[in-house]
PDB file of N, CA and C in Angstrom:
ATOM      1  N   MET A   1     -17.026   8.121  -0.661  1.00  0.00           N
ATOM      2  CA  MET A   1     -15.854   7.334  -0.414  1.00  0.00           C
ATOM      3  C   MET A   1     -14.867   7.548  -1.541  1.00  0.00           C
ATOM      4  N   ILE A   2     -13.595   7.750  -1.155  1.00  0.00           N
ATOM      5  CA  ILE A   2     -12.544   7.888  -2.070  1.00  0.00           C
ATOM      6  C   ILE A   2     -11.700   6.617  -2.060  1.00  0.00           C
ATOM      7  N   GLU A   3     -11.383   6.139  -3.252  1.00  0.00           N
ATOM      8  CA  GLU A   3     -10.535   4.927  -3.307  1.00  0.00           C
ATOM      9  C   GLU A   3      -9.572   4.947  -4.460  1.00  0.00           C
ATOM     10  N   ASN A   4      -8.493   4.153  -4.273  1.00  0.00           N
ATOM     11  CA  ASN A   4      -7.489   4.020  -5.355  1.00  0.00           C
ATOM     12  C   ASN A   4      -7.219   2.511  -5.460  1.00  0.00           C
ATOM     13  N   LYS A   5      -7.161   2.043  -6.722  1.00  0.00           N
ATOM     14  CA  LYS A   5      -6.967   0.639  -6.950  1.00  0.00           C
ATOM     15  C   LYS A   5      -5.649   0.440  -7.706  1.00  0.00           C
ATOM     16  N   VAL A   6      -4.766  -0.400  -7.243  1.00  0.00           N
ATOM     17  CA  VAL A   6      -3.531  -0.692  -7.961  1.00  0.00           C
ATOM     18  C   VAL A   6      -3.479  -2.175  -8.238  1.00  0.00           C
ATOM     19  N   GLU A   7      -3.245  -2.516  -9.475  1.00  0.00           N
ATOM     20  CA  GLU A   7      -3.140  -3.915  -9.899  1.00  0.00           C
ATOM     21  C   GLU A   7      -1.601  -4.227 -10.015  1.00  0.00           C
ATOM     22  N   LYS A   8      -1.197  -5.367  -9.491  1.00  0.00           N
ATOM     23  CA  LYS A   8       0.158  -5.746  -9.458  1.00  0.00           C
ATOM     24  C   LYS A   8       0.291  -7.211  -9.819  1.00  0.00           C
ATOM     25  N   LYS A   9       1.443  -7.543 -10.492  1.00  0.00           N
ATOM     26  CA  LYS A   9       1.768  -8.926 -10.779  1.00  0.00           C
ATOM     27  C   LYS A   9       2.903  -9.321  -9.831  1.00  0.00           C
ATOM     28  N   ILE A  10       2.769 -10.455  -9.146  1.00  0.00           N
ATOM     29  CA  ILE A  10       3.805 -10.914  -8.228  1.00  0.00           C
ATOM     30  C   ILE A  10       4.974 -11.448  -9.087  1.00  0.00           C
ATOM     31  N   MET A  11       6.136 -10.958  -8.782  1.00  0.00           N
ATOM     32  CA  MET A  11       7.367 -11.299  -9.571  1.00  0.00           C
ATOM     33  C   MET A  11       8.281 -12.190  -8.711  1.00  0.00           C
ATOM     34  N   TRP A  12       9.293 -12.769  -9.399  1.00  0.00           N
ATOM     35  CA  TRP A  12      10.201 -13.690  -8.776  1.00  0.00           C
ATOM     36  C   TRP A  12      10.884 -13.091  -7.517  1.00  0.00           C
ATOM     37  N   GLY A  13      11.319 -11.876  -7.570  1.00  0.00           N
ATOM     38  CA  GLY A  13      11.989 -11.202  -6.419  1.00  0.00           C
ATOM     39  C   GLY A  13      11.080 -11.025  -5.219  1.00  0.00           C
ATOM     40  N   ASP A  14       9.778 -11.141  -5.370  1.00  0.00           N
ATOM     41  CA  ASP A  14       8.843 -11.017  -4.266  1.00  0.00           C
ATOM     42  C   ASP A  14       8.754 -12.341  -3.428  1.00  0.00           C
ATOM     43  N   LEU A  15       9.310 -13.419  -3.947  1.00  0.00           N
ATOM     44  CA  LEU A  15       9.134 -14.717  -3.344  1.00  0.00           C
ATOM     45  C   LEU A  15      10.199 -15.093  -2.343  1.00  0.00           C
ATOM     46  N   ASP A  16       9.836 -15.922  -1.410  1.00  0.00           N
ATOM     47  CA  ASP A  16      10.824 -16.527  -0.447  1.00  0.00           C
ATOM     48  C   ASP A  16      11.302 -17.883  -1.020  1.00  0.00           C
ATOM     49  N   PRO A  17      12.191 -18.564  -0.363  1.00  0.00           N
ATOM     50  CA  PRO A  17      12.710 -19.837  -0.896  1.00  0.00           C
ATOM     51  C   PRO A  17      11.625 -20.915  -1.159  1.00  0.00           C
ATOM     52  N   LEU A  18      10.500 -20.868  -0.449  1.00  0.00           N
ATOM     53  CA  LEU A  18       9.427 -21.793  -0.655  1.00  0.00           C
ATOM     54  C   LEU A  18       8.533 -21.461  -1.896  1.00  0.00           C
ATOM     55  N   GLY A  19       8.820 -20.294  -2.548  1.00  0.00           N
ATOM     56  CA  GLY A  19       8.107 -19.957  -3.750  1.00  0.00           C
ATOM     57  C   GLY A  19       6.820 -19.180  -3.462  1.00  0.00           C
ATOM     58  N   ILE A  20       6.653 -18.629  -2.274  1.00  0.00           N
ATOM     59  CA  ILE A  20       5.455 -17.838  -1.914  1.00  0.00           C
ATOM     60  C   ILE A  20       5.971 -16.415  -1.545  1.00  0.00           C
ATOM     61  N   VAL A  21       5.042 -15.478  -1.584  1.00  0.00           N
ATOM     62  CA  VAL A  21       5.440 -14.093  -1.316  1.00  0.00           C
ATOM     63  C   VAL A  21       5.999 -13.964   0.047  1.00  0.00           C
ATOM     64  N   PHE A  22       7.142 -13.379   0.113  1.00  0.00           N
ATOM     65  CA  PHE A  22       7.820 -13.055   1.444  1.00  0.00           C
ATOM     66  C   PHE A  22       6.925 -11.970   2.126  1.00  0.00           C
ATOM     67  N   TYR A  23       6.321 -12.319   3.271  1.00  0.00           N
ATOM     68  CA  TYR A  23       5.264 -11.500   3.825  1.00  0.00           C
ATOM     69  C   TYR A  23       5.550 -10.032   4.009  1.00  0.00           C
ATOM     70  N   PRO A  24       6.792  -9.559   4.288  1.00  0.00           N
ATOM     71  CA  PRO A  24       6.984  -8.121   4.345  1.00  0.00           C
ATOM     72  C   PRO A  24       6.710  -7.387   3.088  1.00  0.00           C
ATOM     73  N   ARG A  25       6.708  -8.111   1.965  1.00  0.00           N
ATOM     74  CA  ARG A  25       6.384  -7.442   0.668  1.00  0.00           C
ATOM     75  C   ARG A  25       4.983  -6.828   0.678  1.00  0.00           C
ATOM     76  N   TYR A  26       4.082  -7.532   1.344  1.00  0.00           N
ATOM     77  CA  TYR A  26       2.693  -6.988   1.398  1.00  0.00           C
ATOM     78  C   TYR A  26       2.681  -5.626   1.997  1.00  0.00           C
ATOM     79  N   TYR A  27       3.424  -5.429   3.107  1.00  0.00           N
ATOM     80  CA  TYR A  27       3.447  -4.156   3.798  1.00  0.00           C
ATOM     81  C   TYR A  27       4.178  -3.115   2.923  1.00  0.00           C
ATOM     82  N   GLU A  28       5.162  -3.522   2.210  1.00  0.00           N
ATOM     83  CA  GLU A  28       5.877  -2.583   1.229  1.00  0.00           C
ATOM     84  C   GLU A  28       4.860  -2.125   0.182  1.00  0.00           C
ATOM     85  N   TRP A  29       4.093  -3.034  -0.390  1.00  0.00           N
ATOM     86  CA  TRP A  29       3.127  -2.689  -1.426  1.00  0.00           C
ATOM     87  C   TRP A  29       2.036  -1.778  -0.852  1.00  0.00           C
ATOM     88  N   ILE A  30       1.594  -2.066   0.365  1.00  0.00           N
ATOM     89  CA  ILE A  30       0.454  -1.300   1.004  1.00  0.00           C
ATOM     90  C   ILE A  30       0.994   0.117   1.221  1.00  0.00           C
ATOM     91  N   ASP A  31       2.224   0.235   1.716  1.00  0.00           N
ATOM     92  CA  ASP A  31       2.779   1.597   2.005  1.00  0.00           C
ATOM     93  C   ASP A  31       2.916   2.354   0.686  1.00  0.00           C
ATOM     94  N   GLY A  32       3.445   1.761  -0.350  1.00  0.00           N
ATOM     95  CA  GLY A  32       3.605   2.372  -1.658  1.00  0.00           C
ATOM     96  C   GLY A  32       2.234   2.856  -2.151  1.00  0.00           C
ATOM     97  N   CYS A  33       1.237   2.030  -2.054  1.00  0.00           N
ATOM     98  CA  CYS A  33      -0.063   2.338  -2.564  1.00  0.00           C
ATOM     99  C   CYS A  33      -0.744   3.444  -1.781  1.00  0.00           C
ATOM    100  N   SER A  34      -0.403   3.555  -0.501  1.00  0.00           N
ATOM    101  CA  SER A  34      -0.975   4.661   0.268  1.00  0.00           C
ATOM    102  C   SER A  34      -0.448   6.010  -0.261  1.00  0.00           C
ATOM    103  N   HIS A  35       0.855   6.026  -0.624  1.00  0.00           N
ATOM    104  CA  HIS A  35       1.411   7.259  -1.264  1.00  0.00           C
ATOM    105  C   HIS A  35       0.744   7.589  -2.594  1.00  0.00           C
ATOM    106  N   LEU A  36       0.449   6.571  -3.361  1.00  0.00           N
ATOM    107  CA  LEU A  36      -0.283   6.759  -4.606  1.00  0.00           C
ATOM    108  C   LEU A  36      -1.689   7.310  -4.381  1.00  0.00           C
ATOM    109  N   PHE A  37      -2.263   6.795  -3.299  1.00  0.00           N
ATOM    110  CA  PHE A  37      -3.648   7.260  -2.950  1.00  0.00           C
ATOM    111  C   PHE A  37      -3.603   8.772  -2.652  1.00  0.00           C
ATOM    112  N   PHE A  38      -2.646   9.188  -1.846  1.00  0.00           N
ATOM    113  CA  PHE A  38      -2.550  10.622  -1.497  1.00  0.00           C
ATOM    114  C   PHE A  38      -2.281  11.428  -2.732  1.00  0.00           C
ATOM    115  N   GLU A  39      -1.411  10.951  -3.633  1.00  0.00           N
ATOM    116  CA  GLU A  39      -1.239  11.671  -4.945  1.00  0.00           C
ATOM    117  C   GLU A  39      -2.542  11.834  -5.669  1.00  0.00           C
ATOM    118  N   ARG A  40      -3.342  10.735  -5.705  1.00  0.00           N
ATOM    119  CA  ARG A  40      -4.585  10.756  -6.488  1.00  0.00           C
ATOM    120  C   ARG A  40      -5.563  11.753  -5.958  1.00  0.00           C
ATOM    121  N   ILE A  41      -5.560  12.080  -4.633  1.00  0.00           N
ATOM    122  CA  ILE A  41      -6.474  13.034  -4.082  1.00  0.00           C
ATOM    123  C   ILE A  41      -5.728  14.387  -3.984  1.00  0.00           C
ATOM    124  N   SER A  42      -4.611  14.566  -4.645  1.00  0.00           N
ATOM    125  CA  SER A  42      -3.873  15.820  -4.624  1.00  0.00           C
ATOM    126  C   SER A  42      -3.452  16.300  -3.248  1.00  0.00           C
ATOM    127  N   PHE A  43      -3.037  15.362  -2.423  1.00  0.00           N
ATOM    128  CA  PHE A  43      -2.604  15.663  -1.069  1.00  0.00           C
ATOM    129  C   PHE A  43      -1.135  15.616  -1.080  1.00  0.00           C
ATOM    130  N   ASP A  44      -0.463  16.767  -0.925  1.00  0.00           N
ATOM    131  CA  ASP A  44       0.967  16.924  -1.035  1.00  0.00           C
ATOM    132  C   ASP A  44       1.630  16.617   0.305  1.00  0.00           C
ATOM    133  N   LEU A  45       2.039  15.381   0.478  1.00  0.00           N
ATOM    134  CA  LEU A  45       2.651  14.949   1.750  1.00  0.00           C
ATOM    135  C   LEU A  45       3.972  15.635   1.968  1.00  0.00           C
ATOM    136  N   ILE A  46       4.778  15.801   0.912  1.00  0.00           N
ATOM    137  CA  ILE A  46       6.101  16.432   1.065  1.00  0.00           C
ATOM    138  C   ILE A  46       5.979  17.957   1.384  1.00  0.00           C
ATOM    139  N   GLY A  47       5.041  18.596   0.711  1.00  0.00           N
ATOM    140  CA  GLY A  47       4.791  20.048   0.967  1.00  0.00           C
ATOM    141  C   GLY A  47       4.238  20.240   2.336  1.00  0.00           C
ATOM    142  N   LEU A  48       3.352  19.346   2.795  1.00  0.00           N
ATOM    143  CA  LEU A  48       2.838  19.457   4.154  1.00  0.00           C
ATOM    144  C   LEU A  48       3.924  19.363   5.176  1.00  0.00           C
ATOM    145  N   TRP A  49       4.906  18.469   4.981  1.00  0.00           N
ATOM    146  CA  TRP A  49       6.015  18.328   5.902  1.00  0.00           C
ATOM    147  C   TRP A  49       6.918  19.593   5.845  1.00  0.00           C
ATOM    148  N   LYS A  50       7.255  20.024   4.591  1.00  0.00           N
ATOM    149  CA  LYS A  50       8.175  21.183   4.502  1.00  0.00           C
ATOM    150  C   LYS A  50       7.521  22.416   5.046  1.00  0.00           C
ATOM    151  N   ASP A  51       6.257  22.664   4.816  1.00  0.00           N
ATOM    152  CA  ASP A  51       5.593  23.933   5.228  1.00  0.00           C
ATOM    153  C   ASP A  51       5.176  23.934   6.620  1.00  0.00           C
ATOM    154  N   ARG A  52       4.646  22.767   7.131  1.00  0.00           N
ATOM    155  CA  ARG A  52       4.067  22.765   8.502  1.00  0.00           C
ATOM    156  C   ARG A  52       4.579  21.680   9.448  1.00  0.00           C
ATOM    157  N   GLN A  53       5.558  20.929   9.000  1.00  0.00           N
ATOM    158  CA  GLN A  53       6.154  19.863   9.797  1.00  0.00           C
ATOM    159  C   GLN A  53       5.092  18.849  10.263  1.00  0.00           C
ATOM    160  N   ILE A  54       4.125  18.584   9.360  1.00  0.00           N
ATOM    161  CA  ILE A  54       3.068  17.616   9.684  1.00  0.00           C
ATOM    162  C   ILE A  54       3.349  16.383   8.793  1.00  0.00           C
ATOM    163  N   GLY A  55       3.388  15.210   9.430  1.00  0.00           N
ATOM    164  CA  GLY A  55       3.635  13.976   8.719  1.00  0.00           C
ATOM    165  C   GLY A  55       2.656  12.887   9.108  1.00  0.00           C
ATOM    166  N   PHE A  56       2.730  11.783   8.404  1.00  0.00           N
ATOM    167  CA  PHE A  56       1.818  10.685   8.715  1.00  0.00           C
ATOM    168  C   PHE A  56       2.654   9.500   9.024  1.00  0.00           C
ATOM    169  N   SER A  57       2.231   8.641   9.974  1.00  0.00           N
ATOM    170  CA  SER A  57       2.916   7.463  10.329  1.00  0.00           C
ATOM    171  C   SER A  57       1.916   6.308  10.561  1.00  0.00           C
ATOM    172  N   LEU A  58       2.369   5.131  10.475  1.00  0.00           N
ATOM    173  CA  LEU A  58       1.524   3.969  10.788  1.00  0.00           C
ATOM    174  C   LEU A  58       1.485   3.751  12.252  1.00  0.00           C
ATOM    175  N   ILE A  59       0.283   3.597  12.793  1.00  0.00           N
ATOM    176  CA  ILE A  59       0.127   3.292  14.196  1.00  0.00           C
ATOM    177  C   ILE A  59       0.055   1.791  14.453  1.00  0.00           C
ATOM    178  N   GLU A  60      -0.732   1.147  13.580  1.00  0.00           N
ATOM    179  CA  GLU A  60      -0.863  -0.273  13.696  1.00  0.00           C
ATOM    180  C   GLU A  60      -1.223  -0.912  12.336  1.00  0.00           C
ATOM    181  N   THR A  61      -0.641  -2.033  12.088  1.00  0.00           N
ATOM    182  CA  THR A  61      -0.928  -2.731  10.845  1.00  0.00           C
ATOM    183  C   THR A  61      -1.183  -4.190  11.191  1.00  0.00           C
ATOM    184  N   PHE A  62      -1.956  -4.837  10.339  1.00  0.00           N
ATOM    185  CA  PHE A  62      -2.141  -6.293  10.429  1.00  0.00           C
ATOM    186  C   PHE A  62      -2.635  -6.796   9.111  1.00  0.00           C
ATOM    187  N   ALA A  63      -2.527  -8.119   8.930  1.00  0.00           N
ATOM    188  CA  ALA A  63      -2.992  -8.729   7.702  1.00  0.00           C
ATOM    189  C   ALA A  63      -3.498 -10.152   8.032  1.00  0.00           C
ATOM    190  N   ASN A  64      -4.503 -10.508   7.361  1.00  0.00           N
ATOM    191  CA  ASN A  64      -4.960 -11.939   7.419  1.00  0.00           C
ATOM    192  C   ASN A  64      -4.565 -12.562   6.064  1.00  0.00           C
ATOM    193  N   TYR A  65      -3.903 -13.694   6.166  1.00  0.00           N
ATOM    194  CA  TYR A  65      -3.444 -14.397   4.964  1.00  0.00           C
ATOM    195  C   TYR A  65      -4.339 -15.614   4.761  1.00  0.00           C
ATOM    196  N   PHE A  66      -5.050 -15.568   3.605  1.00  0.00           N
ATOM    197  CA  PHE A  66      -5.967 -16.688   3.315  1.00  0.00           C
ATOM    198  C   PHE A  66      -5.415 -17.713   2.403  1.00  0.00           C
ATOM    199  N   SER A  67      -4.452 -17.290   1.572  1.00  0.00           N
ATOM    200  CA  SER A  67      -3.766 -18.256   0.678  1.00  0.00           C
ATOM    201  C   SER A  67      -2.447 -17.562   0.259  1.00  0.00           C
ATOM    202  N   PRO A  68      -1.417 -18.354  -0.021  1.00  0.00           N
ATOM    203  CA  PRO A  68      -0.143 -17.799  -0.411  1.00  0.00           C
ATOM    204  C   PRO A  68      -0.152 -17.112  -1.736  1.00  0.00           C
ATOM    205  N   GLY A  69       0.574 -15.975  -1.841  1.00  0.00           N
ATOM    206  CA  GLY A  69       0.788 -15.321  -3.136  1.00  0.00           C
ATOM    207  C   GLY A  69       1.806 -16.129  -3.853  1.00  0.00           C
ATOM    208  N   ARG A  70       1.554 -16.346  -5.188  1.00  0.00           N
ATOM    209  CA  ARG A  70       2.485 -17.142  -6.035  1.00  0.00           C
ATOM    210  C   ARG A  70       2.964 -16.341  -7.239  1.00  0.00           C
ATOM    211  N   TYR A  71       4.059 -16.826  -7.806  1.00  0.00           N
ATOM    212  CA  TYR A  71       4.679 -16.207  -8.959  1.00  0.00           C
ATOM    213  C   TYR A  71       3.740 -15.955 -10.063  1.00  0.00           C
ATOM    214  N   LYS A  72       3.812 -14.699 -10.611  1.00  0.00           N
ATOM    215  CA  LYS A  72       2.971 -14.237 -11.746  1.00  0.00           C
ATOM    216  C   LYS A  72       1.485 -14.152 -11.480  1.00  0.00           C
ATOM    217  N   GLN A  73       1.082 -14.279 -10.198  1.00  0.00           N
ATOM    218  CA  GLN A  73      -0.281 -14.072  -9.810  1.00  0.00           C
ATOM    219  C   GLN A  73      -0.597 -12.578  -9.817  1.00  0.00           C
ATOM    220  N   ASP A  74      -1.784 -12.243 -10.319  1.00  0.00           N
ATOM    221  CA  ASP A  74      -2.249 -10.830 -10.290  1.00  0.00           C
ATOM    222  C   ASP A  74      -2.991 -10.595  -9.013  1.00  0.00           C
ATOM    223  N   ILE A  75      -2.632  -9.443  -8.377  1.00  0.00           N
ATOM    224  CA  ILE A  75      -3.324  -9.043  -7.192  1.00  0.00           C
ATOM    225  C   ILE A  75      -3.792  -7.668  -7.309  1.00  0.00           C
ATOM    226  N   VAL A  76      -4.707  -7.230  -6.433  1.00  0.00           N
ATOM    227  CA  VAL A  76      -5.275  -5.876  -6.404  1.00  0.00           C
ATOM    228  C   VAL A  76      -5.072  -5.298  -5.008  1.00  0.00           C
ATOM    229  N   ILE A  77      -4.516  -4.102  -4.922  1.00  0.00           N
ATOM    230  CA  ILE A  77      -4.362  -3.425  -3.615  1.00  0.00           C
ATOM    231  C   ILE A  77      -5.333  -2.249  -3.670  1.00  0.00           C
ATOM    232  N   LEU A  78      -6.260  -2.199  -2.781  1.00  0.00           N
ATOM    233  CA  LEU A  78      -7.292  -1.189  -2.760  1.00  0.00           C
ATOM    234  C   LEU A  78      -7.118  -0.345  -1.511  1.00  0.00           C
ATOM    235  N   THR A  79      -7.001   0.983  -1.683  1.00  0.00           N
ATOM    236  CA  THR A  79      -6.893   1.933  -0.604  1.00  0.00           C
ATOM    237  C   THR A  79      -8.218   2.733  -0.558  1.00  0.00           C
ATOM    238  N   ARG A  80      -8.836   2.796   0.586  1.00  0.00           N
ATOM    239  CA  ARG A  80     -10.127   3.534   0.722  1.00  0.00           C
ATOM    240  C   ARG A  80     -10.059   4.554   1.880  1.00  0.00           C
ATOM    241  N   LEU A  81     -10.735   5.634   1.684  1.00  0.00           N
ATOM    242  CA  LEU A  81     -10.917   6.619   2.721  1.00  0.00           C
ATOM    243  C   LEU A  81     -12.403   6.926   2.764  1.00  0.00           C
ATOM    244  N   GLY A  82     -12.979   6.651   3.900  1.00  0.00           N
ATOM    245  CA  GLY A  82     -14.486   6.831   4.068  1.00  0.00           C
ATOM    246  C   GLY A  82     -14.888   8.236   4.150  1.00  0.00           C
ATOM    247  N   LYS A  83     -14.046   9.088   4.830  1.00  0.00           N
ATOM    248  CA  LYS A  83     -14.462  10.427   5.098  1.00  0.00           C
ATOM    249  C   LYS A  83     -13.174  11.327   5.257  1.00  0.00           C
ATOM    250  N   LEU A  84     -13.141  12.494   4.620  1.00  0.00           N
ATOM    251  CA  LEU A  84     -12.054  13.386   4.795  1.00  0.00           C
ATOM    252  C   LEU A  84     -12.594  14.718   5.225  1.00  0.00           C
ATOM    253  N   GLN A  85     -12.044  15.264   6.386  1.00  0.00           N
ATOM    254  CA  GLN A  85     -12.540  16.467   6.869  1.00  0.00           C
ATOM    255  C   GLN A  85     -11.346  17.465   7.030  1.00  0.00           C
ATOM    256  N   ARG A  86     -11.665  18.768   7.180  1.00  0.00           N
ATOM    257  CA  ARG A  86     -10.613  19.745   7.345  1.00  0.00           C
ATOM    258  C   ARG A  86      -9.977  19.576   8.731  1.00  0.00           C
TER     259      ARG A  86
END
């Protein structure tokens, strides 16, 4: 199993008027961390597009929210790949 772990501190600009994380931020962080994951495994997404016109897109996303994210809270975003084949 290949994984990449990113630690992040929730900042003021991540919050909505109620003082909790504005929910689209989670998807922004997940997307950014997926790019970091591909970098970690030396998978050149830009080169793959330029050379072979192959790209990746999200088909479906969802999230379960168990408690609100708060200002200066530390969170961990973990990206995992169970199996990679040719």
